[in-house]
Amino acid sequence: TNALSLTNFVVGAQHNGGGETYALNDTNKLANGLELRWRAFG
């Protein structure tokens, strides 16, 4: 509803020693109504 007031945050997933980061401290990537679809780990 308002601007994101975070200075240290991450969006991602991790499994079995591997991982993927969608956003790390980048508020431009997080928009109102955003939907991220992730495939199963494998």
PDB file of all heavy atoms in Angstrom:
ATOM      1  N   THR A   1       0.818  -1.208   0.000  1.00  0.00           N
ATOM      2  CA  THR A   1       0.000   0.000   0.000  1.00  0.00           C
ATOM      3  C   THR A   1       0.855   1.262   0.000  1.00  0.00           C
ATOM      4  O   THR A   1       0.390   2.327  -0.374  1.00  0.00           O
ATOM      5  CB  THR A   1      -0.925   0.018   1.223  1.00  0.00           C
ATOM      6  OG1 THR A   1      -0.136  -0.112   2.403  1.00  0.00           O
ATOM      7  CG2 THR A   1      -1.919  -1.133   1.164  1.00  0.00           C
ATOM      8  N   ASN A   2       2.101   1.141   0.448  1.00  0.00           N
ATOM      9  CA  ASN A   2       3.024   2.268   0.451  1.00  0.00           C
ATOM     10  C   ASN A   2       4.388   1.799  -0.031  1.00  0.00           C
ATOM     11  O   ASN A   2       4.601   0.606  -0.274  1.00  0.00           O
ATOM     12  CB  ASN A   2       3.142   2.879   1.856  1.00  0.00           C
ATOM     13  CG  ASN A   2       1.878   3.607   2.275  1.00  0.00           C
ATOM     14  OD1 ASN A   2       1.469   4.549   1.615  1.00  0.00           O
ATOM     15  ND2 ASN A   2       1.254   3.157   3.352  1.00  0.00           N
ATOM     16  N   ALA A   3       5.300   2.743  -0.169  1.00  0.00           N
ATOM     17  CA  ALA A   3       6.652   2.392  -0.610  1.00  0.00           C
ATOM     18  C   ALA A   3       7.286   1.419   0.379  1.00  0.00           C
ATOM     19  O   ALA A   3       7.111   1.521   1.589  1.00  0.00           O
ATOM     20  CB  ALA A   3       7.502   3.653  -0.735  1.00  0.00           C
ATOM     21  N   LEU A   4       8.046   0.476  -0.139  1.00  0.00           N
ATOM     22  CA  LEU A   4       8.703  -0.522   0.685  1.00  0.00           C
ATOM     23  C   LEU A   4       9.866   0.112   1.449  1.00  0.00           C
ATOM     24  O   LEU A   4      10.788   0.639   0.853  1.00  0.00           O
ATOM     25  CB  LEU A   4       9.204  -1.656  -0.201  1.00  0.00           C
ATOM     26  CG  LEU A   4       9.741  -2.904   0.491  1.00  0.00           C
ATOM     27  CD1 LEU A   4       8.624  -3.565   1.292  1.00  0.00           C
ATOM     28  CD2 LEU A   4      10.277  -3.864  -0.551  1.00  0.00           C
ATOM     29  N   SER A   5       9.813   0.069   2.774  1.00  0.00           N
ATOM     30  CA  SER A   5      10.849   0.689   3.606  1.00  0.00           C
ATOM     31  C   SER A   5      11.782  -0.379   4.163  1.00  0.00           C
ATOM     32  O   SER A   5      11.848  -0.605   5.371  1.00  0.00           O
ATOM     33  CB  SER A   5      10.213   1.483   4.748  1.00  0.00           C
ATOM     34  OG  SER A   5       9.422   2.518   4.247  1.00  0.00           O
ATOM     35  N   LEU A   6      12.488  -1.060   3.297  1.00  0.00           N
ATOM     36  CA  LEU A   6      13.442  -2.081   3.710  1.00  0.00           C
ATOM     37  C   LEU A   6      14.820  -1.741   3.155  1.00  0.00           C
ATOM     38  O   LEU A   6      14.948  -1.319   2.009  1.00  0.00           O
ATOM     39  CB  LEU A   6      13.015  -3.458   3.194  1.00  0.00           C
ATOM     40  CG  LEU A   6      11.869  -4.152   3.907  1.00  0.00           C
ATOM     41  CD1 LEU A   6      11.545  -5.468   3.218  1.00  0.00           C
ATOM     42  CD2 LEU A   6      12.201  -4.410   5.361  1.00  0.00           C
ATOM     43  N   THR A   7      15.818  -1.928   3.984  1.00  0.00           N
ATOM     44  CA  THR A   7      17.192  -1.703   3.529  1.00  0.00           C
ATOM     45  C   THR A   7      17.965  -3.002   3.407  1.00  0.00           C
ATOM     46  O   THR A   7      19.038  -3.027   2.835  1.00  0.00           O
ATOM     47  CB  THR A   7      17.929  -0.772   4.509  1.00  0.00           C
ATOM     48  OG1 THR A   7      17.877  -1.348   5.823  1.00  0.00           O
ATOM     49  CG2 THR A   7      17.270   0.603   4.541  1.00  0.00           C
ATOM     50  N   ASN A   8      17.423  -4.073   3.953  1.00  0.00           N
ATOM     51  CA  ASN A   8      18.084  -5.370   3.856  1.00  0.00           C
ATOM     52  C   ASN A   8      17.012  -6.443   3.724  1.00  0.00           C
ATOM     53  O   ASN A   8      16.370  -6.818   4.706  1.00  0.00           O
ATOM     54  CB  ASN A   8      18.948  -5.625   5.104  1.00  0.00           C
ATOM     55  CG  ASN A   8      19.676  -6.964   5.031  1.00  0.00           C
ATOM     56  OD1 ASN A   8      19.367  -7.875   5.768  1.00  0.00           O
ATOM     57  ND2 ASN A   8      20.628  -7.068   4.134  1.00  0.00           N
ATOM     58  N   PHE A   9      16.779  -6.915   2.503  1.00  0.00           N
ATOM     59  CA  PHE A   9      15.771  -7.939   2.285  1.00  0.00           C
ATOM     60  C   PHE A   9      16.164  -8.787   1.085  1.00  0.00           C
ATOM     61  O   PHE A   9      17.011  -8.407   0.261  1.00  0.00           O
ATOM     62  CB  PHE A   9      14.388  -7.320   2.053  1.00  0.00           C
ATOM     63  CG  PHE A   9      14.203  -6.702   0.693  1.00  0.00           C
ATOM     64  CD1 PHE A   9      13.686  -7.444  -0.356  1.00  0.00           C
ATOM     65  CD2 PHE A   9      14.570  -5.389   0.459  1.00  0.00           C
ATOM     66  CE1 PHE A   9      13.526  -6.886  -1.616  1.00  0.00           C
ATOM     67  CE2 PHE A   9      14.414  -4.818  -0.786  1.00  0.00           C
ATOM     68  CZ  PHE A   9      13.891  -5.573  -1.838  1.00  0.00           C
ATOM     69  N   VAL A  10      15.546  -9.950   0.985  1.00  0.00           N
ATOM     70  CA  VAL A  10      15.812 -10.838  -0.142  1.00  0.00           C
ATOM     71  C   VAL A  10      14.534 -11.593  -0.491  1.00  0.00           C
ATOM     72  O   VAL A  10      13.714 -11.897   0.373  1.00  0.00           O
ATOM     73  CB  VAL A  10      16.951 -11.832   0.178  1.00  0.00           C
ATOM     74  CG1 VAL A  10      16.540 -12.799   1.276  1.00  0.00           C
ATOM     75  CG2 VAL A  10      17.389 -12.595  -1.064  1.00  0.00           C
ATOM     76  N   VAL A  11      14.355 -11.847  -1.776  1.00  0.00           N
ATOM     77  CA  VAL A  11      13.298 -12.707  -2.291  1.00  0.00           C
ATOM     78  C   VAL A  11      13.973 -13.835  -3.054  1.00  0.00           C
ATOM     79  O   VAL A  11      14.774 -13.575  -3.961  1.00  0.00           O
ATOM     80  CB  VAL A  11      12.343 -11.932  -3.223  1.00  0.00           C
ATOM     81  CG1 VAL A  11      11.368 -12.878  -3.908  1.00  0.00           C
ATOM     82  CG2 VAL A  11      11.600 -10.861  -2.457  1.00  0.00           C
ATOM     83  N   GLY A  12      13.686 -15.071  -2.697  1.00  0.00           N
ATOM     84  CA  GLY A  12      14.331 -16.184  -3.382  1.00  0.00           C
ATOM     85  C   GLY A  12      13.930 -17.515  -2.790  1.00  0.00           C
ATOM     86  O   GLY A  12      12.946 -17.627  -2.055  1.00  0.00           O
ATOM     87  N   ALA A  13      14.724 -18.552  -3.096  1.00  0.00           N
ATOM     88  CA  ALA A  13      14.442 -19.903  -2.616  1.00  0.00           C
ATOM     89  C   ALA A  13      15.747 -20.687  -2.597  1.00  0.00           C
ATOM     90  O   ALA A  13      16.650 -20.430  -3.405  1.00  0.00           O
ATOM     91  CB  ALA A  13      13.413 -20.591  -3.514  1.00  0.00           C
ATOM     92  N   GLN A  14      15.818 -21.654  -1.705  1.00  0.00           N
ATOM     93  CA  GLN A  14      17.048 -22.429  -1.534  1.00  0.00           C
ATOM     94  C   GLN A  14      16.717 -23.865  -1.189  1.00  0.00           C
ATOM     95  O   GLN A  14      15.825 -24.127  -0.371  1.00  0.00           O
ATOM     96  CB  GLN A  14      17.887 -21.804  -0.418  1.00  0.00           C
ATOM     97  CG  GLN A  14      19.176 -22.545  -0.087  1.00  0.00           C
ATOM     98  CD  GLN A  14      20.046 -21.744   0.847  1.00  0.00           C
ATOM     99  OE1 GLN A  14      20.484 -20.639   0.505  1.00  0.00           O
ATOM    100  NE2 GLN A  14      20.302 -22.254   2.048  1.00  0.00           N
ATOM    101  N   HIS A  15      17.438 -24.800  -1.811  1.00  0.00           N
ATOM    102  CA  HIS A  15      17.232 -26.221  -1.530  1.00  0.00           C
ATOM    103  C   HIS A  15      18.478 -27.008  -1.902  1.00  0.00           C
ATOM    104  O   HIS A  15      19.089 -26.784  -2.958  1.00  0.00           O
ATOM    105  CB  HIS A  15      16.033 -26.760  -2.315  1.00  0.00           C
ATOM    106  CG  HIS A  15      15.878 -28.249  -2.243  1.00  0.00           C
ATOM    107  ND1 HIS A  15      15.683 -28.926  -1.057  1.00  0.00           N
ATOM    108  CD2 HIS A  15      15.894 -29.204  -3.215  1.00  0.00           C
ATOM    109  CE1 HIS A  15      15.584 -30.223  -1.310  1.00  0.00           C
ATOM    110  NE2 HIS A  15      15.706 -30.408  -2.605  1.00  0.00           N
ATOM    111  N   ASN A  16      18.846 -27.936  -1.016  1.00  0.00           N
ATOM    112  CA  ASN A  16      19.898 -28.905  -1.297  1.00  0.00           C
ATOM    113  C   ASN A  16      21.216 -28.232  -1.700  1.00  0.00           C
ATOM    114  O   ASN A  16      21.919 -28.694  -2.594  1.00  0.00           O
ATOM    115  CB  ASN A  16      19.437 -29.874  -2.396  1.00  0.00           C
ATOM    116  CG  ASN A  16      20.234 -31.165  -2.397  1.00  0.00           C
ATOM    117  OD1 ASN A  16      20.763 -31.571  -1.363  1.00  0.00           O
ATOM    118  ND2 ASN A  16      20.318 -31.810  -3.548  1.00  0.00           N
ATOM    119  N   GLY A  17      21.532 -27.131  -1.044  1.00  0.00           N
ATOM    120  CA  GLY A  17      22.803 -26.456  -1.299  1.00  0.00           C
ATOM    121  C   GLY A  17      22.788 -25.486  -2.452  1.00  0.00           C
ATOM    122  O   GLY A  17      23.775 -24.778  -2.694  1.00  0.00           O
ATOM    123  N   GLY A  18      21.698 -25.443  -3.224  1.00  0.00           N
ATOM    124  CA  GLY A  18      21.585 -24.497  -4.335  1.00  0.00           C
ATOM    125  C   GLY A  18      20.495 -23.487  -4.054  1.00  0.00           C
ATOM    126  O   GLY A  18      19.692 -23.661  -3.139  1.00  0.00           O
ATOM    127  N   GLY A  19      20.470 -22.433  -4.828  1.00  0.00           N
ATOM    128  CA  GLY A  19      19.440 -21.432  -4.599  1.00  0.00           C
ATOM    129  C   GLY A  19      19.352 -20.428  -5.722  1.00  0.00           C
ATOM    130  O   GLY A  19      20.200 -20.389  -6.613  1.00  0.00           O
ATOM    131  N   GLU A  20      18.301 -19.646  -5.682  1.00  0.00           N
ATOM    132  CA  GLU A  20      18.093 -18.599  -6.684  1.00  0.00           C
ATOM    133  C   GLU A  20      17.551 -17.362  -5.990  1.00  0.00           C
ATOM    134  O   GLU A  20      16.666 -17.452  -5.139  1.00  0.00           O
ATOM    135  CB  GLU A  20      17.115 -19.064  -7.756  1.00  0.00           C
ATOM    136  CG  GLU A  20      16.885 -18.037  -8.856  1.00  0.00           C
ATOM    137  CD  GLU A  20      15.991 -18.559  -9.971  1.00  0.00           C
ATOM    138  OE1 GLU A  20      15.599 -19.730  -9.927  1.00  0.00           O
ATOM    139  OE2 GLU A  20      15.675 -17.767 -10.875  1.00  0.00           O
ATOM    140  N   THR A  21      18.094 -16.209  -6.351  1.00  0.00           N
ATOM    141  CA  THR A  21      17.661 -14.942  -5.772  1.00  0.00           C
ATOM    142  C   THR A  21      16.966 -14.113  -6.832  1.00  0.00           C
ATOM    143  O   THR A  21      17.539 -13.859  -7.900  1.00  0.00           O
ATOM    144  CB  THR A  21      18.865 -14.157  -5.219  1.00  0.00           C
ATOM    145  OG1 THR A  21      19.513 -14.949  -4.221  1.00  0.00           O
ATOM    146  CG2 THR A  21      18.427 -12.842  -4.606  1.00  0.00           C
ATOM    147  N   TYR A  22      15.740 -13.711  -6.545  1.00  0.00           N
ATOM    148  CA  TYR A  22      15.022 -12.838  -7.466  1.00  0.00           C
ATOM    149  C   TYR A  22      15.360 -11.378  -7.207  1.00  0.00           C
ATOM    150  O   TYR A  22      15.569 -10.610  -8.144  1.00  0.00           O
ATOM    151  CB  TYR A  22      13.508 -13.046  -7.345  1.00  0.00           C
ATOM    152  CG  TYR A  22      12.707 -12.045  -8.139  1.00  0.00           C
ATOM    153  CD1 TYR A  22      12.591 -12.158  -9.522  1.00  0.00           C
ATOM    154  CD2 TYR A  22      12.087 -10.961  -7.514  1.00  0.00           C
ATOM    155  CE1 TYR A  22      11.879 -11.221 -10.255  1.00  0.00           C
ATOM    156  CE2 TYR A  22      11.378 -10.023  -8.239  1.00  0.00           C
ATOM    157  CZ  TYR A  22      11.269 -10.156  -9.609  1.00  0.00           C
ATOM    158  OH  TYR A  22      10.577  -9.221 -10.325  1.00  0.00           O
ATOM    159  N   ALA A  23      15.396 -10.979  -5.939  1.00  0.00           N
ATOM    160  CA  ALA A  23      15.698  -9.580  -5.612  1.00  0.00           C
ATOM    161  C   ALA A  23      16.463  -9.529  -4.301  1.00  0.00           C
ATOM    162  O   ALA A  23      16.124 -10.210  -3.345  1.00  0.00           O
ATOM    163  CB  ALA A  23      14.414  -8.764  -5.497  1.00  0.00           C
ATOM    164  N   LEU A  24      17.508  -8.729  -4.270  1.00  0.00           N
ATOM    165  CA  LEU A  24      18.290  -8.493  -3.069  1.00  0.00           C
ATOM    166  C   LEU A  24      18.435  -6.983  -2.903  1.00  0.00           C
ATOM    167  O   LEU A  24      19.181  -6.342  -3.629  1.00  0.00           O
ATOM    168  CB  LEU A  24      19.657  -9.157  -3.162  1.00  0.00           C
ATOM    169  CG  LEU A  24      20.582  -8.973  -1.953  1.00  0.00           C
ATOM    170  CD1 LEU A  24      19.991  -9.630  -0.721  1.00  0.00           C
ATOM    171  CD2 LEU A  24      21.975  -9.535  -2.240  1.00  0.00           C
ATOM    172  N   ASN A  25      17.625  -6.433  -1.989  1.00  0.00           N
ATOM    173  CA  ASN A  25      17.659  -4.992  -1.706  1.00  0.00           C
ATOM    174  C   ASN A  25      17.322  -4.140  -2.930  1.00  0.00           C
ATOM    175  O   ASN A  25      17.771  -3.005  -3.045  1.00  0.00           O
ATOM    176  CB  ASN A  25      19.038  -4.581  -1.169  1.00  0.00           C
ATOM    177  CG  ASN A  25      19.391  -5.328   0.097  1.00  0.00           C
ATOM    178  OD1 ASN A  25      18.513  -5.693   0.869  1.00  0.00           O
ATOM    179  ND2 ASN A  25      20.671  -5.560   0.311  1.00  0.00           N
ATOM    180  N   ASP A  26      16.552  -4.684  -3.854  1.00  0.00           N
ATOM    181  CA  ASP A  26      16.174  -3.946  -5.063  1.00  0.00           C
ATOM    182  C   ASP A  26      14.662  -3.740  -5.053  1.00  0.00           C
ATOM    183  O   ASP A  26      13.901  -4.578  -5.531  1.00  0.00           O
ATOM    184  CB  ASP A  26      16.609  -4.711  -6.308  1.00  0.00           C
ATOM    185  CG  ASP A  26      16.371  -3.934  -7.596  1.00  0.00           C
ATOM    186  OD1 ASP A  26      15.781  -2.834  -7.532  1.00  0.00           O
ATOM    187  OD2 ASP A  26      16.779  -4.414  -8.663  1.00  0.00           O
ATOM    188  N   THR A  27      14.226  -2.615  -4.503  1.00  0.00           N
ATOM    189  CA  THR A  27      12.790  -2.365  -4.381  1.00  0.00           C
ATOM    190  C   THR A  27      12.112  -2.186  -5.734  1.00  0.00           C
ATOM    191  O   THR A  27      10.899  -2.340  -5.839  1.00  0.00           O
ATOM    192  CB  THR A  27      12.537  -1.119  -3.517  1.00  0.00           C
ATOM    193  OG1 THR A  27      13.251  -0.009  -4.079  1.00  0.00           O
ATOM    194  CG2 THR A  27      13.012  -1.344  -2.094  1.00  0.00           C
ATOM    195  N   ASN A  28      12.873  -1.863  -6.774  1.00  0.00           N
ATOM    196  CA  ASN A  28      12.272  -1.687  -8.092  1.00  0.00           C
ATOM    197  C   ASN A  28      11.701  -2.995  -8.643  1.00  0.00           C
ATOM    198  O   ASN A  28      10.852  -2.972  -9.530  1.00  0.00           O
ATOM    199  CB  ASN A  28      13.300  -1.127  -9.067  1.00  0.00           C
ATOM    200  CG  ASN A  28      13.684   0.302  -8.748  1.00  0.00           C
ATOM    201  OD1 ASN A  28      12.873   1.062  -8.246  1.00  0.00           O
ATOM    202  ND2 ASN A  28      14.935   0.657  -9.010  1.00  0.00           N
ATOM    203  N   LYS A  29      12.185  -4.126  -8.137  1.00  0.00           N
ATOM    204  CA  LYS A  29      11.703  -5.408  -8.623  1.00  0.00           C
ATOM    205  C   LYS A  29      10.428  -5.865  -7.921  1.00  0.00           C
ATOM    206  O   LYS A  29       9.782  -6.802  -8.360  1.00  0.00           O
ATOM    207  CB  LYS A  29      12.789  -6.477  -8.448  1.00  0.00           C
ATOM    208  CG  LYS A  29      13.909  -6.387  -9.470  1.00  0.00           C
ATOM    209  CD  LYS A  29      14.764  -7.644  -9.445  1.00  0.00           C
ATOM    210  CE  LYS A  29      15.772  -7.635 -10.591  1.00  0.00           C
ATOM    211  NZ  LYS A  29      16.536  -8.909 -10.633  1.00  0.00           N
ATOM    212  N   LEU A  30      10.074  -5.199  -6.822  1.00  0.00           N
ATOM    213  CA  LEU A  30       8.890  -5.604  -6.067  1.00  0.00           C
ATOM    214  C   LEU A  30       7.785  -4.588  -6.276  1.00  0.00           C
ATOM    215  O   LEU A  30       7.811  -3.498  -5.721  1.00  0.00           O
ATOM    216  CB  LEU A  30       9.232  -5.717  -4.582  1.00  0.00           C
ATOM    217  CG  LEU A  30      10.255  -6.790  -4.217  1.00  0.00           C
ATOM    218  CD1 LEU A  30      10.446  -6.839  -2.718  1.00  0.00           C
ATOM    219  CD2 LEU A  30       9.840  -8.147  -4.750  1.00  0.00           C
ATOM    220  N   ALA A  31       6.829  -4.945  -7.098  1.00  0.00           N
ATOM    221  CA  ALA A  31       5.736  -4.037  -7.435  1.00  0.00           C
ATOM    222  C   ALA A  31       4.431  -4.537  -6.830  1.00  0.00           C
ATOM    223  O   ALA A  31       4.248  -5.733  -6.601  1.00  0.00           O
ATOM    224  CB  ALA A  31       5.587  -3.931  -8.946  1.00  0.00           C
ATOM    225  N   ASN A  32       3.528  -3.613  -6.582  1.00  0.00           N
ATOM    226  CA  ASN A  32       2.211  -3.973  -6.081  1.00  0.00           C
ATOM    227  C   ASN A  32       1.501  -4.869  -7.099  1.00  0.00           C
ATOM    228  O   ASN A  32       1.410  -4.542  -8.276  1.00  0.00           O
ATOM    229  CB  ASN A  32       1.387  -2.714  -5.821  1.00  0.00           C
ATOM    230  CG  ASN A  32       0.073  -3.015  -5.149  1.00  0.00           C
ATOM    231  OD1 ASN A  32       0.023  -3.761  -4.183  1.00  0.00           O
ATOM    232  ND2 ASN A  32      -1.003  -2.440  -5.653  1.00  0.00           N
ATOM    233  N   GLY A  33       1.012  -6.006  -6.655  1.00  0.00           N
ATOM    234  CA  GLY A  33       0.334  -6.935  -7.547  1.00  0.00           C
ATOM    235  C   GLY A  33       1.253  -7.916  -8.240  1.00  0.00           C
ATOM    236  O   GLY A  33       0.799  -8.738  -9.036  1.00  0.00           O
ATOM    237  N   LEU A  34       2.557  -7.882  -7.926  1.00  0.00           N
ATOM    238  CA  LEU A  34       3.502  -8.796  -8.553  1.00  0.00           C
ATOM    239  C   LEU A  34       3.217 -10.240  -8.144  1.00  0.00           C
ATOM    240  O   LEU A  34       2.904 -10.524  -6.995  1.00  0.00           O
ATOM    241  CB  LEU A  34       4.931  -8.423  -8.127  1.00  0.00           C
ATOM    242  CG  LEU A  34       6.056  -9.332  -8.633  1.00  0.00           C
ATOM    243  CD1 LEU A  34       6.215  -9.192 -10.145  1.00  0.00           C
ATOM    244  CD2 LEU A  34       7.361  -8.993  -7.931  1.00  0.00           C
ATOM    245  N   GLU A  35       3.318 -11.156  -9.099  1.00  0.00           N
ATOM    246  CA  GLU A  35       3.164 -12.581  -8.837  1.00  0.00           C
ATOM    247  C   GLU A  35       4.348 -13.313  -9.451  1.00  0.00           C
ATOM    248  O   GLU A  35       4.590 -13.217 -10.656  1.00  0.00           O
ATOM    249  CB  GLU A  35       1.849 -13.097  -9.426  1.00  0.00           C
ATOM    250  CG  GLU A  35       1.607 -14.571  -9.164  1.00  0.00           C
ATOM    251  CD  GLU A  35       0.220 -15.021  -9.608  1.00  0.00           C
ATOM    252  OE1 GLU A  35      -0.742 -14.799  -8.854  1.00  0.00           O
ATOM    253  OE2 GLU A  35       0.105 -15.585 -10.709  1.00  0.00           O
ATOM    254  N   LEU A  36       5.098 -14.030  -8.631  1.00  0.00           N
ATOM    255  CA  LEU A  36       6.261 -14.794  -9.088  1.00  0.00           C
ATOM    256  C   LEU A  36       5.924 -16.271  -9.058  1.00  0.00           C
ATOM    257  O   LEU A  36       5.547 -16.805  -8.007  1.00  0.00           O
ATOM    258  CB  LEU A  36       7.465 -14.528  -8.178  1.00  0.00           C
ATOM    259  CG  LEU A  36       7.992 -13.106  -8.099  1.00  0.00           C
ATOM    260  CD1 LEU A  36       9.102 -13.016  -7.048  1.00  0.00           C
ATOM    261  CD2 LEU A  36       8.519 -12.654  -9.449  1.00  0.00           C
ATOM    262  N   ARG A  37       6.080 -16.951 -10.192  1.00  0.00           N
ATOM    263  CA  ARG A  37       5.783 -18.378 -10.270  1.00  0.00           C
ATOM    264  C   ARG A  37       7.090 -19.162 -10.349  1.00  0.00           C
ATOM    265  O   ARG A  37       7.920 -18.907 -11.213  1.00  0.00           O
ATOM    266  CB  ARG A  37       4.900 -18.679 -11.486  1.00  0.00           C
ATOM    267  CG  ARG A  37       3.510 -18.084 -11.355  1.00  0.00           C
ATOM    268  CD  ARG A  37       2.595 -18.494 -12.498  1.00  0.00           C
ATOM    269  NE  ARG A  37       1.228 -18.094 -12.222  1.00  0.00           N
ATOM    270  CZ  ARG A  37       0.338 -18.835 -11.595  1.00  0.00           C
ATOM    271  NH1 ARG A  37       0.677 -20.039 -11.164  1.00  0.00           N
ATOM    272  NH2 ARG A  37      -0.884 -18.391 -11.375  1.00  0.00           N
ATOM    273  N   TRP A  38       7.240 -20.099  -9.444  1.00  0.00           N
ATOM    274  CA  TRP A  38       8.470 -20.890  -9.345  1.00  0.00           C
ATOM    275  C   TRP A  38       8.164 -22.351  -9.625  1.00  0.00           C
ATOM    276  O   TRP A  38       7.181 -22.902  -9.139  1.00  0.00           O
ATOM    277  CB  TRP A  38       9.062 -20.790  -7.936  1.00  0.00           C
ATOM    278  CG  TRP A  38       9.392 -19.402  -7.481  1.00  0.00           C
ATOM    279  CD1 TRP A  38       8.498 -18.408  -7.155  1.00  0.00           C
ATOM    280  CD2 TRP A  38      10.686 -18.847  -7.269  1.00  0.00           C
ATOM    281  NE1 TRP A  38       9.166 -17.280  -6.753  1.00  0.00           N
ATOM    282  CE2 TRP A  38      10.520 -17.520  -6.807  1.00  0.00           C
ATOM    283  CE3 TRP A  38      11.993 -19.343  -7.408  1.00  0.00           C
ATOM    284  CZ2 TRP A  38      11.588 -16.694  -6.499  1.00  0.00           C
ATOM    285  CZ3 TRP A  38      13.050 -18.513  -7.088  1.00  0.00           C
ATOM    286  CH2 TRP A  38      12.848 -17.211  -6.651  1.00  0.00           C
ATOM    287  N   ARG A  39       9.056 -23.017 -10.367  1.00  0.00           N
ATOM    288  CA  ARG A  39       8.936 -24.451 -10.607  1.00  0.00           C
ATOM    289  C   ARG A  39       9.456 -25.230  -9.414  1.00  0.00           C
ATOM    290  O   ARG A  39      10.281 -24.745  -8.651  1.00  0.00           O
ATOM    291  CB  ARG A  39       9.747 -24.848 -11.851  1.00  0.00           C
ATOM    292  CG  ARG A  39       9.059 -24.529 -13.171  1.00  0.00           C
ATOM    293  CD  ARG A  39       7.900 -25.483 -13.394  1.00  0.00           C
ATOM    294  NE  ARG A  39       7.266 -25.262 -14.684  1.00  0.00           N
ATOM    295  CZ  ARG A  39       6.190 -25.897 -15.092  1.00  0.00           C
ATOM    296  NH1 ARG A  39       5.613 -26.780 -14.315  1.00  0.00           N
ATOM    297  NH2 ARG A  39       5.666 -25.653 -16.271  1.00  0.00           N
ATOM    298  N   ALA A  40       9.001 -26.464  -9.277  1.00  0.00           N
ATOM    299  CA  ALA A  40       9.443 -27.318  -8.184  1.00  0.00           C
ATOM    300  C   ALA A  40      10.956 -27.512  -8.238  1.00  0.00           C
ATOM    301  O   ALA A  40      11.575 -27.510  -9.312  1.00  0.00           O
ATOM    302  CB  ALA A  40       8.743 -28.679  -8.271  1.00  0.00           C
ATOM    303  N   PHE A  41      11.556 -27.666  -7.056  1.00  0.00           N
ATOM    304  CA  PHE A  41      12.987 -27.955  -6.992  1.00  0.00           C
ATOM    305  C   PHE A  41      13.261 -29.306  -7.644  1.00  0.00           C
ATOM    306  O   PHE A  41      12.515 -30.257  -7.474  1.00  0.00           O
ATOM    307  CB  PHE A  41      13.452 -28.022  -5.536  1.00  0.00           C
ATOM    308  CG  PHE A  41      13.423 -26.698  -4.831  1.00  0.00           C
ATOM    309  CD1 PHE A  41      12.524 -26.468  -3.809  1.00  0.00           C
ATOM    310  CD2 PHE A  41      14.304 -25.695  -5.191  1.00  0.00           C
ATOM    311  CE1 PHE A  41      12.507 -25.263  -3.141  1.00  0.00           C
ATOM    312  CE2 PHE A  41      14.289 -24.483  -4.537  1.00  0.00           C
ATOM    313  CZ  PHE A  41      13.396 -24.260  -3.503  1.00  0.00           C
ATOM    314  N   GLY A  42      14.353 -29.385  -8.384  1.00  0.00           N
ATOM    315  CA  GLY A  42      14.739 -30.646  -8.982  1.00  0.00           C
ATOM    316  C   GLY A  42      15.938 -30.445  -9.891  1.00  0.00           C
ATOM    317  O   GLY A  42      16.197 -29.344 -10.368  1.00  0.00           O
TER     318      GLY A  42
END
